[in-house]
Amino acid sequence: MTLRYLFIYIVLLVTFDSYSQSYKTKDSLVIDSLNRSGYDLRLIDPEKTIMLGQEALNQAKKNNYKNGIAESHRTLGIGCYYLGKNDKAIANYLISLSTFQETNNLVGQAKVYNNIGNLYKEINYDKALYYFQKALQIATKLNLQDLIAGHYLNIGIIHYRKNESALALKYTQLSYSLFKKLGNESGIMFSLQNQGVIYNSINQTEKAEMLLLEANKRAKMAELNSVVASIDLTLIDIYIKKKDFKRADSYLNEGKNYASVGKDTKLQSDLLKKSYQLESKRNNYKQALLYLQKLYTQDSIELQNTITKKFGLFEEQSKFEAREKKNIIELEKAKTNRIIFFASIIVLILAVIVIFLLTFSIKKKAKTNKLLQQLNEEISLQKENLNTINQNLEEIISERTKDLKIKNKKLSEYSSHLSHQIRGPVATIKGLMLLQKDALMGDKEYIDEVSKCINEIDNRIININAVLNNLSEPGLIPKSVDKENIS
C-alpha cells in the first residue's frame, strides 16, 4: 500500500508543474486579447501598445501565466521599438525570449527572434540577418506561412541594405506572393513598399513608382501614418530624379504631416534631408542652406541618439546575457538537484522492491524447505515400506518356489503311478470282460470282481489326491497304502 502511494505522489509531483502552466483560465484569455490589441496598434499608436502590454504583463504575473508574461514583454518591446527606445526594446525582447524558451513555445521564439532582428537591421546587418534566419528556421519547421512571409520580407531588407539587390528582390517577391495568398493586407503593403524601394535603387523608377503608389494608397486606407511617411520618402526621391518637383513637393508635405501625426522623429529627420535635396535640385540654395543648418543640428542630435541607442542596446544585451549565464548555472543546479531527488526516490523504491523480493524469497525458500523435508520423510517411509514388501515378496517367492518343486516332483510321481498303479486294475477289468464275453465267468462273479477293481481304482485316486494336497508327504504313495494294495 505504501509503495502504491509513493508512486502516486511521484506522478503528481511531475505533472503538477506542466498542468499549472498549461491550464487556461478566463484571465489568460483576457491577457492574450490585451497583447493582440497592443500589437495591432503598434503602427498607429505605439504608446498605446506599451500601455496595453504593461496591463497584460501585470495580469499575467498575477496569474503566473508564463506564455502571457513572455508575450507581454514582447508587446512592450515592440512599442518601445516603434518609439525608438531600442535599449528598453531589447531588454523586453530578451526576457520574452527566455520565458518562451522556458515554456518551449517555438512560435513565440520565432516572433522574438524576428523582433530582435528588426532592432539590429539599422546598426548591424549581419547580426540582424542571423536573428531573421533563426526565426525563419523555426517558422519553416512549424510551417507557419504568415511568419515565413514576414521573415522573407525582413531578410530582403537586410540584403537591400547590404547592396545585394538580386537577393533582396528574391526574398521580397517571395514574401509578397505568400502574403497575397494568405490575404494579409499589411504584409502586401509592406512587400509592395520594399519592392518599390529596391527597384528605385536599381533605377527602375517607373516600376518603383507604380508599386509605391499602390503601397501608399493601402497605407492610407489602413491609417498607418508612419508607413505613409516612409513610402513618401522614396516617392520624393523618384520625383526628384524625374525633376517633377511639384509632385516631389506634394509628397514632401504629405510625408511631414503623417510623420508629425505618427510622432516619428527619425522620419521627420529623413524628410528634412529630402527637403534639402529638393531645394538643391531646384537651385534654391538659400532655402537649401537653411535646411542644411537644421539638418546639421538634427544630425548631431541623431548621431548622439544613435550612439546612445547602440550603446544602450549592446549594454542591455550584455547585461541580459550575464544574467542568463547566471540563470543557466542556477537552472543546472536545480536540474541536478531534481535529478538527485528523483534518483534518490528511484533508489528508495528499488531498495523497497529488493527488500520485498528478498523477504518473499526467504519465506518462499523456508516454505519450500519445509515441503522438501516432508517429502523426504514420506520418501524414507515409502522406502522402508518397499524394503519390507520386497523382503516379504522374497520369502513368498521362496516358499512358492519350494512348493512348486514339491508339486512338480509329485506330479512326476503321479504320472508314474498312473502308468503303473492304475493300469493294473484296468487290465484286470479288461480280462474280466473277455472272460464274461466268452461265458467263462458267471455274472455275479463278474460283477464282484469288477467292483473290486473299481474300488481299488477309486481308493488309489483318493490316495493320489490326498498326497498331492499334502505337501508334507515326501512321496506320492504312502507305504501303508502300497502294502495294502499289494496284498
Protein backbone atom coordinates (compact mmCIF):
# COMPACT_ATOMS: atom_id res chain seq x y z
CA MET A 1 0.00 0.00 0.00
CA THR A 2 2.82 2.41 0.94
CA LEU A 3 4.60 1.68 -2.34
CA ARG A 4 1.47 2.50 -4.34
CA TYR A 5 1.03 5.86 -2.59
CA LEU A 6 4.69 6.66 -3.23
CA PHE A 7 4.22 6.11 -6.97
CA ILE A 8 1.08 8.28 -6.99
CA TYR A 9 2.99 11.07 -5.22
CA ILE A 10 5.80 11.00 -7.80
CA VAL A 11 3.35 11.14 -10.73
CA LEU A 12 1.51 14.11 -9.17
CA LEU A 13 4.82 15.89 -8.49
CA VAL A 14 5.99 15.51 -12.10
CA THR A 15 2.71 16.52 -13.74
CA PHE A 16 1.72 19.39 -11.42
CA ASP A 17 4.08 22.00 -12.89
CA SER A 18 3.16 21.34 -16.53
CA TYR A 19 -0.53 21.23 -15.63
CA SER A 20 -0.40 24.56 -13.80
CA GLN A 21 1.33 26.19 -16.78
CA SER A 22 -0.98 24.81 -19.47
CA TYR A 23 -4.29 25.38 -17.71
CA LYS A 24 -6.14 28.20 -19.47
CA THR A 25 -8.37 30.44 -17.37
CA LYS A 26 -10.65 33.29 -18.36
CA ASP A 27 -7.95 35.68 -17.13
CA SER A 28 -5.42 34.21 -19.54
CA LEU A 29 -7.81 34.80 -22.46
CA VAL A 30 -8.10 38.46 -21.39
CA ILE A 31 -4.29 38.71 -21.24
CA ASP A 32 -3.98 37.27 -24.77
CA SER A 33 -6.59 39.75 -26.01
CA LEU A 34 -4.72 42.72 -24.46
CA ASN A 35 -1.48 41.65 -26.13
CA ARG A 36 -3.17 41.21 -29.51
CA SER A 37 -4.74 44.67 -29.26
CA GLY A 38 -1.39 46.19 -28.31
CA TYR A 39 0.31 44.53 -31.27
CA ASP A 40 -2.38 45.72 -33.70
CA LEU A 41 -1.83 49.33 -32.55
CA ARG A 42 1.97 49.25 -32.98
CA LEU A 43 1.96 51.18 -36.27
CA ILE A 44 -0.76 53.64 -35.24
CA ASP A 45 -0.13 54.38 -31.55
CA PRO A 46 2.97 52.66 -30.07
CA GLU A 47 2.40 54.42 -26.73
CA LYS A 48 -0.97 52.66 -26.50
CA THR A 49 0.85 49.41 -27.36
CA ILE A 50 3.10 49.91 -24.32
CA MET A 51 0.15 50.71 -22.08
CA LEU A 52 -1.75 47.55 -23.13
CA GLY A 53 1.40 45.45 -22.89
CA GLN A 54 2.04 46.63 -19.33
CA GLU A 55 -1.55 45.90 -18.30
CA ALA A 56 -1.28 42.42 -19.83
CA LEU A 57 2.03 41.85 -18.03
CA ASN A 58 0.59 42.78 -14.62
CA GLN A 59 -2.32 40.35 -15.04
CA ALA A 60 -0.06 37.60 -16.45
CA LYS A 61 2.26 37.84 -13.43
CA LYS A 62 -0.72 37.79 -11.09
CA ASN A 63 -1.98 34.57 -12.70
CA ASN A 64 1.54 33.10 -13.18
CA TYR A 65 0.70 32.71 -16.88
CA LYS A 66 4.18 32.18 -18.36
CA ASN A 67 3.29 32.44 -22.06
CA GLY A 68 1.26 35.57 -21.25
CA ILE A 69 4.27 37.07 -19.44
CA ALA A 70 6.52 36.32 -22.42
CA GLU A 71 4.07 37.81 -24.96
CA SER A 72 3.52 40.90 -22.75
CA HIS A 73 7.27 41.60 -22.72
CA ARG A 74 7.32 41.15 -26.50
CA THR A 75 4.44 43.65 -26.86
CA LEU A 76 6.29 46.13 -24.63
CA GLY A 77 9.43 45.64 -26.73
CA ILE A 78 7.51 46.31 -29.95
CA GLY A 79 6.04 49.53 -28.51
CA CYS A 80 9.49 50.70 -27.38
CA TYR A 81 10.95 49.83 -30.80
CA TYR A 82 8.44 51.99 -32.67
CA LEU A 83 9.15 54.85 -30.26
CA GLY A 84 12.90 54.50 -30.91
CA LYS A 85 13.69 53.21 -27.39
CA ASN A 86 15.91 50.36 -28.53
CA ASP A 87 17.56 49.73 -25.16
CA LYS A 88 14.18 49.12 -23.49
CA ALA A 89 13.02 47.16 -26.53
CA ILE A 90 15.95 44.69 -26.37
CA ALA A 91 15.56 44.29 -22.60
CA ASN A 92 11.91 43.26 -23.03
CA TYR A 93 12.65 41.06 -26.06
CA LEU A 94 15.34 39.11 -24.23
CA ILE A 95 13.09 38.48 -21.21
CA SER A 96 10.35 37.38 -23.62
CA LEU A 97 12.71 35.03 -25.48
CA SER A 98 13.96 33.47 -22.24
CA THR A 99 10.40 32.88 -20.99
CA PHE A 100 9.26 31.40 -24.31
CA GLN A 101 12.26 29.05 -24.22
CA GLU A 102 11.29 28.04 -20.67
CA THR A 103 7.78 27.06 -21.85
CA ASN A 104 9.16 25.58 -25.10
CA ASN A 105 6.92 27.91 -27.15
CA LEU A 106 8.57 27.79 -30.60
CA VAL A 107 6.10 30.18 -32.23
CA GLY A 108 6.84 32.81 -29.59
CA GLN A 109 10.60 32.26 -30.00
CA ALA A 110 10.37 32.76 -33.78
CA LYS A 111 8.48 36.05 -33.31
CA VAL A 112 11.01 37.38 -30.78
CA TYR A 113 13.98 36.45 -32.98
CA ASN A 114 12.31 38.44 -35.75
CA ASN A 115 11.78 41.41 -33.41
CA ILE A 116 15.44 41.37 -32.29
CA GLY A 117 16.49 41.24 -35.95
CA ASN A 118 14.45 44.41 -36.58
CA LEU A 119 16.40 46.16 -33.81
CA TYR A 120 19.74 45.29 -35.39
CA LYS A 121 18.80 45.97 -39.02
CA GLU A 122 19.75 49.64 -38.62
CA ILE A 123 23.12 49.10 -36.94
CA ASN A 124 24.45 45.57 -37.60
CA TYR A 125 23.27 43.83 -40.78
CA ASP A 126 24.99 40.50 -40.13
CA LYS A 127 23.56 40.21 -36.65
CA ALA A 128 20.11 41.19 -37.93
CA LEU A 129 20.34 38.53 -40.65
CA TYR A 130 21.39 35.93 -38.05
CA TYR A 131 18.24 36.55 -35.98
CA PHE A 132 15.94 36.67 -39.04
CA GLN A 133 17.31 33.34 -40.28
CA LYS A 134 16.84 31.75 -36.84
CA ALA A 135 13.24 32.94 -36.89
CA LEU A 136 12.78 31.59 -40.42
CA GLN A 137 14.13 28.14 -39.45
CA ILE A 138 11.54 27.77 -36.68
CA ALA A 139 8.69 29.11 -38.84
CA THR A 140 9.62 26.74 -41.68
CA LYS A 141 9.81 23.78 -39.29
CA LEU A 142 6.32 24.59 -37.97
CA ASN A 143 5.03 25.53 -41.45
CA LEU A 144 3.75 28.93 -40.24
CA GLN A 145 3.14 30.62 -43.57
CA ASP A 146 2.39 34.10 -42.17
CA LEU A 147 5.60 34.14 -40.14
CA ILE A 148 7.62 32.75 -43.05
CA ALA A 149 6.35 35.59 -45.26
CA GLY A 150 7.32 38.20 -42.62
CA HIS A 151 10.80 36.72 -42.24
CA TYR A 152 11.29 36.72 -46.02
CA LEU A 153 10.40 40.42 -46.03
CA ASN A 154 12.92 41.29 -43.32
CA ILE A 155 15.68 39.19 -44.89
CA GLY A 156 15.03 41.06 -48.15
CA ILE A 157 15.52 44.40 -46.33
CA ILE A 158 18.92 43.28 -44.97
CA HIS A 159 20.10 42.18 -48.42
CA TYR A 160 18.96 45.55 -49.80
CA ARG A 161 20.98 47.41 -47.18
CA LYS A 162 23.98 45.22 -47.99
CA ASN A 163 23.56 46.31 -51.65
CA GLU A 164 22.57 42.78 -52.71
CA SER A 165 19.64 43.83 -54.89
CA ALA A 166 19.05 40.46 -56.58
CA LEU A 167 18.70 38.63 -53.25
CA ALA A 168 16.68 41.50 -51.83
CA LEU A 169 14.17 41.26 -54.70
CA LYS A 170 14.02 37.46 -54.47
CA TYR A 171 13.04 37.43 -50.79
CA THR A 172 10.72 40.42 -51.09
CA GLN A 173 8.83 38.84 -54.00
CA LEU A 174 8.58 35.54 -52.10
CA SER A 175 7.14 37.50 -49.21
CA TYR A 176 4.62 39.30 -51.46
CA SER A 177 3.42 36.00 -53.01
CA LEU A 178 2.83 34.42 -49.58
CA PHE A 179 1.11 37.49 -48.14
CA LYS A 180 -1.15 37.71 -51.18
CA LYS A 181 -2.02 34.02 -50.89
CA LEU A 182 -2.83 34.49 -47.20
CA GLY A 183 -4.79 37.72 -47.82
CA ASN A 184 -2.59 39.65 -45.34
CA GLU A 185 -3.19 43.32 -46.26
CA SER A 186 -0.40 44.74 -44.07
CA GLY A 187 2.06 42.22 -45.45
CA ILE A 188 1.05 43.00 -49.04
CA MET A 189 1.50 46.74 -48.39
CA PHE A 190 4.99 46.33 -46.88
CA SER A 191 6.05 43.96 -49.67
CA LEU A 192 4.94 46.49 -52.30
CA GLN A 193 6.81 49.28 -50.49
CA ASN A 194 10.04 47.26 -50.20
CA GLN A 195 9.91 46.19 -53.84
CA GLY A 196 9.43 49.85 -54.83
CA VAL A 197 12.46 50.87 -52.74
CA ILE A 198 14.63 48.13 -54.32
CA TYR A 199 13.54 48.94 -57.88
CA ASN A 200 14.27 52.62 -57.23
CA SER A 201 17.79 51.71 -56.05
CA ILE A 202 18.48 49.95 -59.38
CA ASN A 203 17.00 52.88 -61.33
CA GLN A 204 13.80 51.14 -62.46
CA THR A 205 11.87 54.23 -61.44
CA GLU A 206 8.67 53.55 -63.37
CA LYS A 207 8.15 50.17 -61.77
CA ALA A 208 9.18 51.56 -58.40
CA GLU A 209 6.68 54.45 -58.72
CA MET A 210 3.80 52.10 -59.59
CA LEU A 211 4.48 49.80 -56.62
CA LEU A 212 4.95 52.67 -54.15
CA LEU A 213 1.77 54.48 -55.19
CA GLU A 214 -0.18 51.24 -54.58
CA ALA A 215 1.52 50.79 -51.21
CA ASN A 216 0.80 54.44 -50.33
CA LYS A 217 -2.89 54.00 -51.09
CA ARG A 218 -3.11 50.85 -48.93
CA ALA A 219 -1.26 52.54 -46.04
CA LYS A 220 -3.67 55.48 -46.06
CA MET A 221 -6.65 53.12 -46.06
CA ALA A 222 -5.17 51.36 -43.03
CA GLU A 223 -4.41 54.75 -41.38
CA LEU A 224 -0.76 53.84 -40.89
CA ASN A 225 0.74 57.32 -40.53
CA SER A 226 4.42 56.40 -40.20
CA VAL A 227 4.19 53.91 -43.08
CA VAL A 228 2.67 56.57 -45.37
CA ALA A 229 5.51 58.95 -44.46
CA SER A 230 8.17 56.29 -45.12
CA ILE A 231 6.64 55.47 -48.54
CA ASP A 232 6.56 59.20 -49.35
CA LEU A 233 10.33 59.36 -48.75
CA THR A 234 11.00 57.04 -51.71
CA LEU A 235 8.34 58.73 -53.90
CA ILE A 236 10.03 62.11 -53.24
CA ASP A 237 13.34 60.62 -54.35
CA ILE A 238 11.74 59.23 -57.54
CA TYR A 239 10.16 62.59 -58.45
CA ILE A 240 13.42 64.47 -57.72
CA LYS A 241 15.15 62.09 -60.17
CA LYS A 242 12.39 62.75 -62.71
CA LYS A 243 12.65 66.52 -61.95
CA ASP A 244 8.96 66.54 -61.19
CA PHE A 245 9.50 68.98 -58.35
CA LYS A 246 5.84 69.79 -57.95
CA ARG A 247 4.89 66.20 -57.12
CA ALA A 248 8.03 65.82 -55.04
CA ASP A 249 6.99 68.87 -53.01
CA SER A 250 3.43 67.49 -52.68
CA TYR A 251 4.63 64.17 -51.23
CA LEU A 252 7.17 66.00 -49.06
CA ASN A 253 4.42 67.99 -47.37
CA GLU A 254 2.26 64.87 -47.07
CA GLY A 255 5.12 62.94 -45.52
CA LYS A 256 5.84 65.71 -42.98
CA ASN A 257 2.21 65.76 -41.90
CA TYR A 258 1.97 61.98 -41.49
CA ALA A 259 5.35 61.77 -39.69
CA SER A 260 4.23 64.50 -37.30
CA VAL A 261 0.94 62.73 -36.55
CA GLY A 262 2.82 59.45 -36.11
CA LYS A 263 5.36 61.20 -33.81
CA ASP A 264 8.20 59.54 -35.74
CA THR A 265 11.29 61.74 -35.18
CA LYS A 266 13.51 59.64 -37.44
CA LEU A 267 11.12 60.03 -40.38
CA GLN A 268 10.94 63.77 -39.68
CA SER A 269 14.72 63.92 -39.88
CA ASP A 270 14.76 61.86 -43.13
CA LEU A 271 12.12 64.18 -44.64
CA LEU A 272 14.27 67.18 -43.70
CA LYS A 273 17.08 65.63 -45.75
CA LYS A 274 14.70 65.25 -48.68
CA SER A 275 13.73 68.95 -48.29
CA TYR A 276 17.40 69.89 -48.59
CA GLN A 277 17.83 67.65 -51.67
CA LEU A 278 14.70 69.07 -53.32
CA GLU A 279 15.71 72.71 -52.81
CA SER A 280 19.23 71.92 -54.03
CA LYS A 281 17.82 70.41 -57.26
CA ARG A 282 15.60 73.46 -57.67
CA ASN A 283 18.72 75.64 -57.32
CA ASN A 284 17.08 77.33 -54.34
CA TYR A 285 20.36 77.40 -52.45
CA LYS A 286 19.26 79.89 -49.81
CA GLN A 287 16.43 77.64 -48.67
CA ALA A 288 18.63 74.58 -49.10
CA LEU A 289 21.21 76.18 -46.78
CA LEU A 290 18.57 76.76 -44.11
CA TYR A 291 17.53 73.09 -44.35
CA LEU A 292 21.20 72.10 -44.23
CA GLN A 293 21.71 74.05 -40.99
CA LYS A 294 18.66 72.39 -39.44
CA LEU A 295 19.85 69.06 -40.80
CA TYR A 296 23.31 69.54 -39.30
CA THR A 297 21.79 70.27 -35.89
CA GLN A 298 19.42 67.29 -36.16
CA ASP A 299 22.17 65.01 -37.47
CA SER A 300 24.33 65.88 -34.47
CA ILE A 301 21.43 65.12 -32.13
CA GLU A 302 20.51 61.99 -34.14
CA LEU A 303 24.10 60.80 -34.18
CA GLN A 304 24.29 61.23 -30.43
CA ASN A 305 20.96 59.44 -30.03
CA THR A 306 22.08 56.67 -32.38
CA ILE A 307 25.32 56.19 -30.43
CA THR A 308 23.33 56.20 -27.18
CA LYS A 309 20.84 53.69 -28.61
CA LYS A 310 23.62 51.42 -29.85
CA PHE A 311 25.40 51.62 -26.53
CA GLY A 312 22.16 51.03 -24.65
CA LEU A 313 21.26 48.14 -26.96
CA PHE A 314 24.58 46.36 -26.54
CA GLU A 315 24.72 47.16 -22.81
CA GLU A 316 21.25 45.73 -22.19
CA GLN A 317 22.05 42.62 -24.22
CA SER A 318 25.34 42.15 -22.35
CA LYS A 319 23.56 42.53 -19.00
CA PHE A 320 20.91 40.10 -20.05
CA GLU A 321 23.45 37.58 -21.32
CA ALA A 322 25.29 37.83 -17.99
CA ARG A 323 22.01 37.25 -16.13
CA GLU A 324 21.19 34.39 -18.48
CA LYS A 325 24.52 32.71 -17.76
CA LYS A 326 23.83 33.05 -14.05
CA ASN A 327 20.31 31.70 -14.55
CA ILE A 328 21.64 28.80 -16.63
CA ILE A 329 24.03 27.90 -13.82
CA GLU A 330 21.19 28.08 -11.28
CA LEU A 331 18.92 26.07 -13.57
CA GLU A 332 21.62 23.45 -13.99
CA LYS A 333 21.99 23.28 -10.21
CA ALA A 334 18.23 22.97 -9.82
CA LYS A 335 18.17 20.36 -12.58
CA THR A 336 20.98 18.44 -10.86
CA ASN A 337 19.16 18.64 -7.52
CA ARG A 338 15.97 17.45 -9.19
CA ILE A 339 17.82 14.57 -10.81
CA ILE A 340 19.36 13.68 -7.45
CA PHE A 341 15.92 13.90 -5.81
CA PHE A 342 14.27 11.64 -8.38
CA ALA A 343 17.29 9.32 -8.38
CA SER A 344 17.01 9.06 -4.59
CA ILE A 345 13.31 8.23 -4.89
CA ILE A 346 14.06 5.63 -7.55
CA VAL A 347 16.84 4.12 -5.40
CA LEU A 348 14.44 4.08 -2.43
CA ILE A 349 11.76 2.39 -4.50
CA LEU A 350 14.26 -0.15 -5.80
CA ALA A 351 15.52 -0.78 -2.27
CA VAL A 352 11.94 -1.36 -1.08
CA ILE A 353 11.34 -3.69 -4.02
CA VAL A 354 14.61 -5.57 -3.34
CA ILE A 355 13.77 -5.91 0.37
CA PHE A 356 10.28 -7.09 -0.53
CA LEU A 357 11.67 -9.61 -3.02
CA LEU A 358 14.29 -10.83 -0.55
CA THR A 359 11.68 -11.24 2.21
CA PHE A 360 9.36 -13.02 -0.19
CA SER A 361 12.25 -15.20 -1.41
CA ILE A 362 13.28 -16.13 2.15
CA LYS A 363 9.71 -17.01 3.12
CA LYS A 364 9.27 -18.99 -0.06
CA LYS A 365 12.58 -20.77 0.50
CA ALA A 366 11.62 -21.68 4.08
CA LYS A 367 8.27 -22.98 2.87
CA THR A 368 9.98 -24.93 0.10
CA ASN A 369 12.50 -26.41 2.55
CA LYS A 370 9.67 -27.48 4.85
CA LEU A 371 7.88 -29.13 1.93
CA LEU A 372 11.11 -30.83 0.85
CA GLN A 373 11.64 -32.12 4.39
CA GLN A 374 8.12 -33.53 4.45
CA LEU A 375 8.68 -35.11 1.06
CA ASN A 376 11.96 -36.64 2.25
CA GLU A 377 10.24 -38.11 5.30
CA GLU A 378 7.47 -39.54 3.11
CA ILE A 379 10.04 -40.94 0.67
CA SER A 380 12.01 -42.52 3.57
CA LEU A 381 8.82 -44.10 4.93
CA GLN A 382 7.87 -45.35 1.48
CA LYS A 383 11.39 -46.74 1.06
CA GLU A 384 11.11 -48.66 4.34
CA ASN A 385 7.72 -49.98 3.27
CA LEU A 386 9.17 -51.05 -0.07
CA ASN A 387 12.05 -52.81 1.66
CA THR A 388 9.58 -54.67 3.91
CA ILE A 389 7.41 -55.57 0.91
CA ASN A 390 10.45 -56.73 -1.06
CA GLN A 391 11.58 -58.88 1.85
CA ASN A 392 8.12 -60.44 2.18
CA LEU A 393 7.98 -60.98 -1.55
CA GLU A 394 11.29 -62.78 -1.46
CA GLU A 395 10.05 -65.06 1.31
CA ILE A 396 6.78 -65.68 -0.54
CA ILE A 397 8.64 -66.37 -3.76
CA SER A 398 10.98 -68.73 -1.92
CA GLU A 399 8.04 -70.63 -0.41
CA ARG A 400 6.21 -70.71 -3.72
CA THR A 401 9.32 -71.99 -5.43
CA LYS A 402 9.70 -74.74 -2.82
CA ASP A 403 6.02 -75.73 -3.18
CA LEU A 404 6.33 -75.81 -6.95
CA LYS A 405 9.35 -78.06 -6.72
CA ILE A 406 7.45 -80.48 -4.43
CA LYS A 407 4.38 -80.38 -6.68
CA ASN A 408 6.49 -80.93 -9.75
CA LYS A 409 8.09 -83.93 -8.08
CA LYS A 410 4.71 -85.32 -7.03
CA LEU A 411 3.27 -84.70 -10.49
CA SER A 412 6.12 -86.70 -11.88
CA GLU A 413 5.36 -89.48 -9.39
CA TYR A 414 1.66 -89.15 -10.23
CA SER A 415 2.42 -89.73 -13.87
CA SER A 416 4.48 -92.80 -12.99
CA HIS A 417 1.82 -94.02 -10.57
CA LEU A 418 -0.87 -93.69 -13.21
CA SER A 419 1.12 -95.75 -15.62
CA HIS A 420 1.98 -98.47 -13.06
CA GLN A 421 -0.65 -98.48 -10.32
CA ILE A 422 -3.83 -97.59 -12.22
CA ARG A 423 -3.11 -99.74 -15.23
CA GLY A 424 -3.18 -102.95 -13.09
CA PRO A 425 -6.85 -102.73 -12.09
CA VAL A 426 -7.78 -101.54 -15.59
CA ALA A 427 -6.05 -104.58 -17.13
CA THR A 428 -7.91 -106.87 -14.66
CA ILE A 429 -11.24 -105.33 -15.72
CA LYS A 430 -10.39 -105.86 -19.36
CA GLY A 431 -9.52 -109.54 -18.62
CA LEU A 432 -12.79 -109.97 -16.74
CA MET A 433 -14.67 -108.55 -19.65
CA LEU A 434 -13.10 -111.06 -22.01
CA LEU A 435 -13.97 -113.90 -19.66
CA GLN A 436 -17.53 -112.67 -19.40
CA LYS A 437 -17.73 -112.32 -23.11
CA ASP A 438 -16.62 -115.91 -23.62
CA ALA A 439 -19.07 -117.00 -20.89
CA LEU A 440 -16.22 -118.38 -18.83
CA MET A 441 -17.39 -116.45 -15.77
CA GLY A 442 -20.72 -116.07 -14.16
CA ASP A 443 -22.44 -112.76 -13.98
CA LYS A 444 -22.35 -112.50 -10.23
CA GLU A 445 -18.71 -113.36 -10.06
CA TYR A 446 -18.00 -110.92 -12.87
CA ILE A 447 -19.77 -108.10 -11.09
CA ASP A 448 -17.99 -108.84 -7.81
CA GLU A 449 -14.57 -108.81 -9.43
CA VAL A 450 -15.28 -105.67 -11.44
CA SER A 451 -16.50 -103.95 -8.27
CA LYS A 452 -13.27 -104.84 -6.53
CA CYS A 453 -11.23 -103.36 -9.39
CA ILE A 454 -13.31 -100.19 -9.45
CA ASN A 455 -12.99 -99.79 -5.66
CA GLU A 456 -9.25 -100.26 -5.95
CA ILE A 457 -9.01 -97.59 -8.68
CA ASP A 458 -11.17 -95.26 -6.61
CA ASN A 459 -9.02 -95.79 -3.48
CA ARG A 460 -5.84 -95.17 -5.39
CA ILE A 461 -7.24 -91.94 -6.94
CA ILE A 462 -8.33 -90.71 -3.48
CA ASN A 463 -4.88 -91.56 -2.17
CA ILE A 464 -3.22 -89.66 -5.02
CA ASN A 465 -5.35 -86.52 -4.37
CA ALA A 466 -4.66 -86.67 -0.65
CA VAL A 467 -0.91 -86.99 -1.20
CA LEU A 468 -0.85 -84.18 -3.83
CA ASN A 469 -2.65 -81.80 -1.49
CA ASN A 470 -0.46 -82.75 1.46
CA LEU A 471 3.00 -81.30 0.71
CA SER A 472 4.42 -82.78 3.90
CA GLU A 473 4.22 -86.20 2.36
CA PRO A 474 7.58 -86.92 0.76
CA GLY A 475 6.23 -89.40 -1.77
CA LEU A 476 3.07 -89.69 -3.77
CA ILE A 477 2.02 -93.19 -2.42
CA PRO A 478 2.26 -93.94 1.32
CA LYS A 479 3.86 -97.26 2.29
CA SER A 480 0.77 -98.40 4.17
CA VAL A 481 -1.33 -97.92 1.06
CA ASP A 482 1.16 -99.77 -1.13
CA LYS A 483 1.29 -102.74 1.18
CA GLU A 484 -2.45 -102.92 1.42
CA ASN A 485 -2.82 -102.77 -2.34
CA ILE A 486 -0.22 -105.45 -2.91
CA SER A 487 -1.95 -107.78 -0.51
